[in-house]
Amino acid sequence: MTVDSFFSLSNPIIFSILLLVVVLALIFIFYKYIVQPMRTHFDAEKLDIKLQYAQLMAAFAEADPDPVFRFDETGKITMTNEAGTNLLHSSQRNGKNLNILIPEVAGMDLNSYIKEGKTIDVVSKIKDKYYKFTLTGLPEMKIGQIYGSDITELKLAEEKLKYALTKAEESEKIKSYFLAQMSHEIRSPLTAVLGFNSIIKDEIAENVTPNLEFAFNAIEKSGRRLTRTIDQLLNMANLQTGGYEPKLEGVDIQRLIEHIMEEYSPDIFSKNLKFLFEHKTQDKFVRIDKYGLTQILESIIDNAIKYTNRGEIKIILDKNKEGKKFVSITDTGIGMSKEYVNDLFKPFTQEIMGYNRPFEGNGLGLAVSKRYAELNNIDILVDSEKNVGSVFTILFDE
C-alpha cells in the first residue's frame, strides 16, 4: 500500500477517524452553542427565583410586627427585622449574641438545634414585656430562625388568675378553719349543757312538774338540733377541703338501720308516727365507708320525720332486678313539687325559705349526703308528690 492510498478516503481507518472528528465537532458545537447557553439561562433563572424568594421572605420578615431573628451555629444573630432591631436596643442588627437578648437560651446547644432541625419555645421578659420565642433549626441552610410574639397581656392575665386562685384557696382554708374552731367552741359547752340537763332531770325526777318536763324536753330537743347543725357544718367543711377519705369496710346495713331507728324513736313517739322496717334480703352486707353511709341515712330519716306529721315512715332493704342492694325510705309527709326536686341537693335550700318557714333546718343535710354518696359510688333517687309523700332510694353500686 502506497502513502497516497493509505491517506485516501477509501482506507477504512482514515474514514473512521474523519467520521469520529466530525461527530466530536458536532457534539462540541451542540454543547457550546445549545446546551451551555440553556444551562446558563436555567441557572440564571434559578438564581433569580432564589433572589425573589429571599426578597419576599425578607419583605415578609420586615413587615412582621413581631420580632424575627436569624442566628448561626455559634449563636450570633445574623439578621433581624425592624421589630427585632427595636428589641435589641440598637440600630446594629448583626453580631449580637443571642443569649444577651434571650438569657433563657444560655447553656443551650444551639448548634445541635440547627443540625437536628429542632423547635423549642421559651418565654422571656424584655423591657417590662413578656415574649414567647419559637426557635427553629434549619439544617439545610445551617441557620436558626426565631419568631417572637408579645404575650404580655396573656402573662398578666395568667398571673392575676394565679393570684385569685391563691387568695381563693386561702379564703377557703380560713373559712374551714373558722367553721371547725367555732363548731368546737359551741359543741364543748353544749355537751356540758345537755349532760347536766339530763343529770338535773334525774335528780329531781320525783318533783318534776309539767312545766319543768316541758323545759327539760325543750333543752334536749334544742340541744340535739344544734348538735346536728354543728355536725353538718363540720362535715361540709371537711368535704370542701378534701379532708374526707372513704374508709371501706364490711357494713351490716340492717344493724346500722336498726341502730339509727332506735336513736330516732323518741321523735317518732312524740309525733305518734309508725316506724316500720322490712329487710327482704338476707344479703345485708356492703363494702362501704360506714361514717358516710350513716350520715346519708340519718339525714334522709331525719327529714322524713321532720316533714311527716301523720302516717308512717317505712324503710325497706332489698335488691333490684339487677341484683343491686338498695334502701328505700318512704314517708307520708308533705312531699315536694317536681320543680324543687331539681334543687333538692343544693346547700342551704328549702322549698319554703325565710324566717317564717314552717319547718326548722339549715338545708345542709341533703347537700352533705349527696357529696358522701358521690364519694362512695352511691346513687340517691328521689320520687315525691306534693301533699302525698316522698320516697328516697339509696342504691349501692355492687
Protein backbone atom coordinates (compact mmCIF):
# COMPACT_ATOMS: atom_id res chain seq x y z
CA MET A 1 0.00 0.00 0.00
CA THR A 2 1.38 3.38 -1.07
CA VAL A 3 1.31 6.54 1.04
CA ASP A 4 -1.33 8.12 -1.15
CA SER A 5 -3.55 5.12 -0.96
CA PHE A 6 -3.18 5.00 2.87
CA PHE A 7 -4.46 8.58 3.33
CA SER A 8 -7.24 8.21 0.83
CA LEU A 9 -10.89 8.07 1.98
CA SER A 10 -11.04 4.52 0.64
CA ASN A 11 -8.90 3.50 3.62
CA PRO A 12 -11.34 2.39 6.35
CA ILE A 13 -9.09 3.67 9.13
CA ILE A 14 -8.83 7.17 7.69
CA PHE A 15 -12.56 7.19 7.03
CA SER A 16 -13.35 6.20 10.61
CA ILE A 17 -11.02 8.85 12.04
CA LEU A 18 -12.59 11.56 9.92
CA LEU A 19 -16.08 10.41 10.88
CA LEU A 20 -15.15 10.48 14.56
CA VAL A 21 -13.72 14.01 14.20
CA VAL A 22 -16.92 15.19 12.53
CA VAL A 23 -19.09 13.66 15.24
CA LEU A 24 -16.99 15.18 18.05
CA ALA A 25 -17.10 18.53 16.28
CA LEU A 26 -20.88 18.34 16.05
CA ILE A 27 -21.12 17.38 19.73
CA PHE A 28 -18.87 20.29 20.73
CA ILE A 29 -20.86 22.72 18.62
CA PHE A 30 -24.18 21.40 20.08
CA TYR A 31 -22.89 21.65 23.66
CA LYS A 32 -21.25 25.07 23.25
CA TYR A 33 -24.00 26.83 21.36
CA ILE A 34 -27.10 25.00 22.56
CA VAL A 35 -26.63 23.09 25.85
CA GLN A 36 -24.32 25.52 27.61
CA PRO A 37 -26.44 28.61 26.86
CA MET A 38 -29.54 26.73 28.02
CA ARG A 39 -27.80 25.72 31.26
CA THR A 40 -26.58 29.25 31.84
CA HIS A 41 -30.07 30.58 31.25
CA PHE A 42 -31.55 27.96 33.58
CA ASP A 43 -29.04 28.76 36.33
CA ALA A 44 -29.74 32.46 35.92
CA GLU A 45 -33.48 31.87 36.23
CA LYS A 46 -32.95 29.60 39.25
CA LEU A 47 -30.79 32.25 40.91
CA ASP A 48 -33.34 34.90 40.09
CA ILE A 49 -36.10 32.81 41.66
CA LYS A 50 -33.98 32.31 44.77
CA LEU A 51 -33.34 36.03 44.96
CA GLN A 52 -37.00 36.79 44.52
CA TYR A 53 -37.87 34.25 47.21
CA ALA A 54 -35.24 35.69 49.55
CA GLN A 55 -36.57 39.19 48.89
CA LEU A 56 -40.10 38.06 49.57
CA MET A 57 -39.02 36.37 52.80
CA ALA A 58 -37.05 39.44 53.81
CA ALA A 59 -40.00 41.68 52.99
CA PHE A 60 -42.30 39.36 54.95
CA ALA A 61 -39.99 39.46 57.99
CA GLU A 62 -39.65 43.23 57.75
CA ALA A 63 -43.42 43.64 57.59
CA ASP A 64 -43.98 41.34 60.56
CA PRO A 65 -44.92 43.48 63.60
CA ASP A 66 -43.35 40.84 65.86
CA PRO A 67 -39.58 40.37 66.15
CA VAL A 68 -37.89 37.88 63.82
CA PHE A 69 -34.23 36.84 64.17
CA ARG A 70 -31.79 34.62 62.33
CA PHE A 71 -28.77 33.15 64.10
CA ASP A 72 -25.82 30.99 63.10
CA GLU A 73 -24.32 27.86 64.65
CA THR A 74 -22.34 29.92 67.18
CA GLY A 75 -25.43 31.69 68.50
CA LYS A 76 -24.67 35.01 66.80
CA ILE A 77 -27.59 37.00 65.38
CA THR A 78 -27.08 37.42 61.64
CA MET A 79 -30.32 39.09 60.63
CA THR A 80 -33.34 40.79 62.24
CA ASN A 81 -36.39 42.66 61.10
CA GLU A 82 -37.29 46.17 62.30
CA ALA A 83 -39.24 44.89 65.30
CA GLY A 84 -36.27 42.74 66.27
CA THR A 85 -33.87 45.68 65.93
CA ASN A 86 -36.02 47.76 68.27
CA LEU A 87 -35.91 44.92 70.75
CA LEU A 88 -32.10 44.81 70.58
CA HIS A 89 -31.82 48.41 71.88
CA SER A 90 -29.54 49.13 68.90
CA SER A 91 -29.55 50.00 65.22
CA GLN A 92 -26.90 47.35 64.69
CA ARG A 93 -28.70 44.28 63.53
CA ASN A 94 -25.96 41.71 63.30
CA GLY A 95 -23.26 40.28 65.53
CA LYS A 96 -25.02 40.29 68.88
CA ASN A 97 -25.06 37.07 70.84
CA LEU A 98 -28.48 35.52 71.18
CA ASN A 99 -28.22 34.90 74.92
CA ILE A 100 -27.80 38.65 75.52
CA LEU A 101 -31.28 39.18 74.14
CA ILE A 102 -32.81 35.97 75.50
CA PRO A 103 -30.98 34.86 78.68
CA GLU A 104 -33.08 31.69 78.78
CA VAL A 105 -31.11 30.21 75.85
CA ALA A 106 -27.79 30.45 77.70
CA GLY A 107 -26.42 26.96 78.10
CA MET A 108 -28.47 25.56 75.22
CA ASP A 109 -26.62 23.75 72.44
CA LEU A 110 -27.92 25.91 69.60
CA ASN A 111 -25.67 24.13 67.12
CA SER A 112 -27.48 20.84 67.78
CA TYR A 113 -30.86 22.56 67.36
CA ILE A 114 -29.77 23.73 63.93
CA LYS A 115 -28.24 20.41 62.84
CA GLU A 116 -31.22 18.35 64.05
CA GLY A 117 -33.89 20.81 62.95
CA LYS A 118 -35.39 21.03 66.44
CA THR A 119 -38.04 23.51 67.59
CA ILE A 120 -38.34 24.87 71.11
CA ASP A 121 -40.40 27.59 72.83
CA VAL A 122 -39.01 29.89 75.53
CA VAL A 123 -40.63 32.78 77.42
CA SER A 124 -38.53 35.83 78.29
CA LYS A 125 -39.18 39.22 79.87
CA ILE A 126 -37.72 42.16 77.90
CA LYS A 127 -38.42 45.84 78.51
CA ASP A 128 -41.19 45.02 81.02
CA LYS A 129 -42.90 42.90 78.39
CA TYR A 130 -43.22 39.15 78.08
CA TYR A 131 -42.33 37.46 74.79
CA LYS A 132 -42.75 33.93 73.59
CA PHE A 133 -39.87 32.97 71.27
CA THR A 134 -40.05 29.95 68.98
CA LEU A 135 -36.57 28.73 67.97
CA THR A 136 -36.42 26.55 64.85
CA GLY A 137 -33.33 24.95 63.33
CA LEU A 138 -32.89 24.88 59.54
CA PRO A 139 -30.14 22.29 58.93
CA GLU A 140 -30.06 22.66 55.13
CA MET A 141 -29.20 26.35 55.50
CA LYS A 142 -27.09 25.89 58.66
CA ILE A 143 -29.02 28.64 60.44
CA GLY A 144 -31.71 29.02 63.06
CA GLN A 145 -34.81 31.20 62.97
CA ILE A 146 -36.55 32.85 65.94
CA TYR A 147 -40.12 34.07 65.79
CA GLY A 148 -41.23 36.20 68.73
CA SER A 149 -44.69 37.24 69.89
CA ASP A 150 -45.76 39.66 72.62
CA ILE A 151 -47.70 37.72 75.28
CA THR A 152 -47.66 40.42 77.96
CA GLU A 153 -51.44 40.65 78.29
CA LEU A 154 -51.77 36.87 78.41
CA LYS A 155 -49.00 36.59 81.03
CA LEU A 156 -50.50 39.34 83.20
CA ALA A 157 -53.91 37.68 82.98
CA GLU A 158 -52.31 34.37 83.96
CA GLU A 159 -50.60 35.97 86.97
CA LYS A 160 -53.86 37.61 88.04
CA LEU A 161 -55.63 34.27 87.76
CA LYS A 162 -52.94 32.56 89.85
CA TYR A 163 -53.21 35.30 92.46
CA ALA A 164 -57.00 34.99 92.52
CA LEU A 165 -56.75 31.20 92.91
CA THR A 166 -54.25 31.58 95.73
CA LYS A 167 -56.49 34.06 97.53
CA ALA A 168 -59.50 31.80 96.99
CA GLU A 169 -57.63 28.83 98.46
CA GLU A 170 -56.53 30.91 101.43
CA SER A 171 -60.09 32.14 101.92
CA GLU A 172 -61.39 28.57 101.76
CA LYS A 173 -58.85 27.44 104.36
CA ILE A 174 -59.75 30.35 106.64
CA LYS A 175 -63.46 29.59 106.27
CA SER A 176 -62.97 25.92 107.04
CA TYR A 177 -60.71 26.74 110.00
CA PHE A 178 -63.30 29.19 111.30
CA LEU A 179 -66.09 26.63 110.99
CA ALA A 180 -64.04 23.96 112.73
CA GLN A 181 -62.99 26.28 115.56
CA MET A 182 -66.44 27.77 116.10
CA SER A 183 -68.05 24.34 115.96
CA HIS A 184 -65.63 23.12 118.62
CA GLU A 185 -66.25 26.17 120.79
CA ILE A 186 -70.01 25.62 120.55
CA ARG A 187 -70.02 21.84 120.87
CA SER A 188 -67.95 21.65 124.07
CA PRO A 189 -70.25 23.78 126.24
CA LEU A 190 -73.30 22.30 124.52
CA THR A 191 -72.24 18.80 125.56
CA ALA A 192 -71.95 20.01 129.13
CA VAL A 193 -75.38 21.66 128.98
CA LEU A 194 -77.08 18.51 127.68
CA GLY A 195 -75.22 16.33 130.17
CA PHE A 196 -76.16 18.46 133.17
CA ASN A 197 -79.72 18.79 131.86
CA SER A 198 -80.07 15.01 131.99
CA ILE A 199 -78.44 14.79 135.44
CA ILE A 200 -80.66 17.51 136.93
CA LYS A 201 -83.76 15.89 135.43
CA ASP A 202 -82.86 12.54 137.00
CA GLU A 203 -82.03 14.14 140.37
CA ILE A 204 -85.41 15.83 140.73
CA ALA A 205 -87.41 13.21 138.87
CA GLU A 206 -89.94 12.92 141.72
CA ASN A 207 -90.58 16.67 141.78
CA VAL A 208 -90.70 17.38 138.01
CA THR A 209 -93.81 19.40 137.21
CA PRO A 210 -95.34 19.51 133.71
CA ASN A 211 -93.71 22.91 133.14
CA LEU A 212 -90.30 21.57 134.15
CA GLU A 213 -90.84 18.49 131.99
CA PHE A 214 -91.57 20.76 129.04
CA ALA A 215 -88.44 22.83 129.80
CA PHE A 216 -86.20 19.77 130.08
CA ASN A 217 -87.54 18.36 126.80
CA ALA A 218 -87.14 21.73 125.08
CA ILE A 219 -83.50 21.94 126.19
CA GLU A 220 -82.87 18.37 125.00
CA LYS A 221 -84.57 18.93 121.64
CA SER A 222 -82.85 22.29 121.02
CA GLY A 223 -79.51 20.81 122.02
CA ARG A 224 -79.88 17.92 119.60
CA ARG A 225 -80.90 20.31 116.83
CA LEU A 226 -77.86 22.47 117.47
CA THR A 227 -75.62 19.38 117.57
CA ARG A 228 -76.92 18.22 114.19
CA THR A 229 -76.29 21.68 112.73
CA ILE A 230 -72.71 21.70 114.02
CA ASP A 231 -72.10 18.20 112.67
CA GLN A 232 -73.39 19.23 109.25
CA LEU A 233 -71.18 22.34 109.19
CA LEU A 234 -68.14 20.28 110.15
CA ASN A 235 -68.93 17.65 107.54
CA MET A 236 -69.41 20.27 104.83
CA ALA A 237 -66.11 21.97 105.72
CA ASN A 238 -64.35 18.61 105.73
CA LEU A 239 -65.76 17.68 102.33
CA GLN A 240 -64.92 21.04 100.75
CA THR A 241 -61.30 20.93 101.87
CA GLY A 242 -60.80 17.32 100.76
CA GLY A 243 -60.30 16.11 104.32
CA TYR A 244 -62.72 13.22 103.93
CA GLU A 245 -61.44 9.93 102.56
CA PRO A 246 -63.76 6.90 102.47
CA LYS A 247 -62.59 4.02 104.67
CA LEU A 248 -64.05 0.91 103.12
CA GLU A 249 -65.22 -1.89 105.37
CA GLY A 250 -67.95 -4.52 105.51
CA VAL A 251 -71.06 -2.82 106.93
CA ASP A 252 -74.17 -4.63 108.17
CA ILE A 253 -76.86 -2.37 106.68
CA GLN A 254 -79.67 -3.97 108.67
CA ARG A 255 -77.95 -3.44 112.01
CA LEU A 256 -76.99 0.13 111.08
CA ILE A 257 -80.60 0.99 110.17
CA GLU A 258 -81.93 -0.55 113.36
CA HIS A 259 -79.42 1.47 115.40
CA ILE A 260 -80.46 4.73 113.70
CA MET A 261 -84.15 3.90 114.19
CA GLU A 262 -83.50 3.41 117.90
CA GLU A 263 -81.91 6.87 118.11
CA TYR A 264 -84.90 8.50 116.43
CA SER A 265 -87.57 6.54 118.36
CA PRO A 266 -88.24 9.46 120.80
CA ASP A 267 -89.05 11.77 117.85
CA ILE A 268 -91.28 9.11 116.30
CA PHE A 269 -93.06 8.62 119.63
CA SER A 270 -93.58 12.37 120.17
CA LYS A 271 -95.24 12.71 116.74
CA ASN A 272 -97.23 9.49 117.09
CA LEU A 273 -95.92 8.05 113.80
CA LYS A 274 -95.44 4.46 112.71
CA PHE A 275 -91.81 3.46 112.18
CA LEU A 276 -91.52 0.33 110.03
CA PHE A 277 -88.53 -1.63 108.75
CA GLU A 278 -88.62 -4.56 106.30
CA HIS A 279 -85.50 -6.45 105.21
CA LYS A 280 -86.43 -8.51 102.17
CA THR A 281 -82.95 -9.86 101.51
CA GLN A 282 -80.51 -11.79 103.64
CA ASP A 283 -77.60 -10.22 101.77
CA LYS A 284 -77.30 -7.32 104.17
CA PHE A 285 -73.57 -6.57 103.99
CA VAL A 286 -71.99 -3.94 101.74
CA ARG A 287 -68.38 -2.77 101.49
CA ILE A 288 -68.53 0.96 102.07
CA ASP A 289 -67.48 3.82 104.35
CA LYS A 290 -69.64 3.41 107.45
CA TYR A 291 -69.47 7.07 108.53
CA GLY A 292 -70.55 8.36 105.11
CA LEU A 293 -73.43 5.88 104.88
CA THR A 294 -74.55 6.77 108.41
CA GLN A 295 -74.69 10.46 107.51
CA ILE A 296 -76.78 9.70 104.42
CA LEU A 297 -79.28 7.51 106.28
CA GLU A 298 -79.58 9.87 109.26
CA SER A 299 -80.13 12.91 107.05
CA ILE A 300 -82.90 11.26 104.99
CA ILE A 301 -84.61 9.71 108.02
CA ASP A 302 -84.37 12.99 109.95
CA ASN A 303 -86.05 14.84 107.06
CA ALA A 304 -88.72 12.16 106.75
CA ILE A 305 -89.63 12.57 110.44
CA LYS A 306 -89.45 16.38 110.26
CA TYR A 307 -91.81 16.70 107.28
CA THR A 308 -94.26 13.97 108.31
CA ASN A 309 -96.97 14.95 110.79
CA ARG A 310 -99.14 11.86 110.48
CA GLY A 311 -98.96 8.41 108.98
CA GLU A 312 -95.78 6.37 108.77
CA ILE A 313 -92.16 6.13 107.76
CA LYS A 314 -91.23 2.86 106.15
CA ILE A 315 -87.70 1.60 105.45
CA ILE A 316 -87.05 -1.33 103.11
CA LEU A 317 -83.78 -3.19 102.49
CA ASP A 318 -83.94 -5.22 99.27
CA LYS A 319 -82.34 -5.92 95.86
CA ASN A 320 -83.46 -4.62 92.49
CA LYS A 321 -83.77 -6.60 89.23
CA GLU A 322 -80.05 -6.13 88.51
CA GLY A 323 -79.18 -7.66 91.88
CA LYS A 324 -78.01 -4.39 93.43
CA LYS A 325 -78.88 -3.73 97.07
CA PHE A 326 -80.90 -0.66 97.94
CA VAL A 327 -82.54 1.03 100.91
CA SER A 328 -85.78 2.91 100.33
CA ILE A 329 -87.19 5.37 102.86
CA THR A 330 -90.86 6.22 102.28
CA ASP A 331 -92.84 8.81 104.23
CA THR A 332 -96.39 10.14 104.15
CA GLY A 333 -95.29 13.72 104.71
CA ILE A 334 -95.83 16.99 102.88
CA GLY A 335 -93.90 15.93 99.79
CA MET A 336 -92.22 18.26 97.30
CA SER A 337 -93.02 19.90 93.99
CA LYS A 338 -91.36 18.48 90.88
CA GLU A 339 -89.58 21.81 90.34
CA TYR A 340 -87.96 21.82 93.79
CA VAL A 341 -86.71 18.23 93.47
CA ASN A 342 -84.16 19.54 90.92
CA ASP A 343 -82.68 21.88 93.59
CA LEU A 344 -83.05 19.43 96.46
CA PHE A 345 -79.33 18.77 96.95
CA LYS A 346 -78.15 22.39 96.79
CA PRO A 347 -76.71 23.71 100.09
CA PHE A 348 -78.84 25.97 102.32
CA THR A 349 -82.05 25.48 100.35
CA GLN A 350 -85.58 24.58 101.41
CA GLU A 351 -88.76 24.70 99.37
CA ILE A 352 -90.11 27.35 101.70
CA MET A 353 -87.40 29.84 102.66
CA GLY A 354 -87.27 32.72 105.16
CA TYR A 355 -87.67 33.18 108.90
CA ASN A 356 -91.37 32.35 108.72
CA ARG A 357 -90.81 28.92 107.19
CA PRO A 358 -92.90 26.25 108.94
CA PHE A 359 -90.01 23.78 109.40
CA GLU A 360 -86.66 24.12 111.12
CA GLY A 361 -83.36 23.24 109.42
CA ASN A 362 -80.48 24.81 107.53
CA GLY A 363 -80.72 22.97 104.22
CA LEU A 364 -77.32 21.35 104.59
CA GLY A 365 -78.25 17.75 105.38
CA LEU A 366 -79.10 16.51 101.89
CA ALA A 367 -76.30 18.53 100.24
CA VAL A 368 -73.77 16.83 102.53
CA SER A 369 -75.43 13.45 101.95
CA LYS A 370 -75.21 13.88 98.18
CA ARG A 371 -71.48 14.54 98.43
CA TYR A 372 -70.94 11.50 100.66
CA ALA A 373 -72.93 9.44 98.16
CA GLU A 374 -70.80 10.58 95.21
CA LEU A 375 -67.58 9.71 97.06
CA ASN A 376 -68.92 6.23 97.90
CA ASN A 377 -70.39 5.37 94.46
CA ILE A 378 -73.95 5.56 95.79
CA ASP A 379 -76.95 6.87 93.86
CA ILE A 380 -79.73 8.70 95.68
CA LEU A 381 -83.00 8.58 93.76
CA VAL A 382 -85.96 10.78 94.72
CA ASP A 383 -89.65 10.47 93.92
CA SER A 384 -92.02 12.91 95.59
CA GLU A 385 -95.54 14.25 95.25
CA LYS A 386 -96.90 17.31 96.95
CA ASN A 387 -99.14 16.51 99.94
CA VAL A 388 -98.66 12.76 99.38
CA GLY A 389 -95.13 11.96 100.49
CA SER A 390 -91.63 11.18 99.33
CA VAL A 391 -89.53 8.12 98.53
CA PHE A 392 -85.73 8.28 98.81
CA THR A 393 -83.85 5.29 97.40
CA ILE A 394 -80.20 4.67 98.29
CA LEU A 395 -78.77 2.42 95.56
CA PHE A 396 -75.43 0.69 96.17
CA ASP A 397 -73.04 0.03 93.29
CA GLU A 398 -72.42 -3.67 93.97
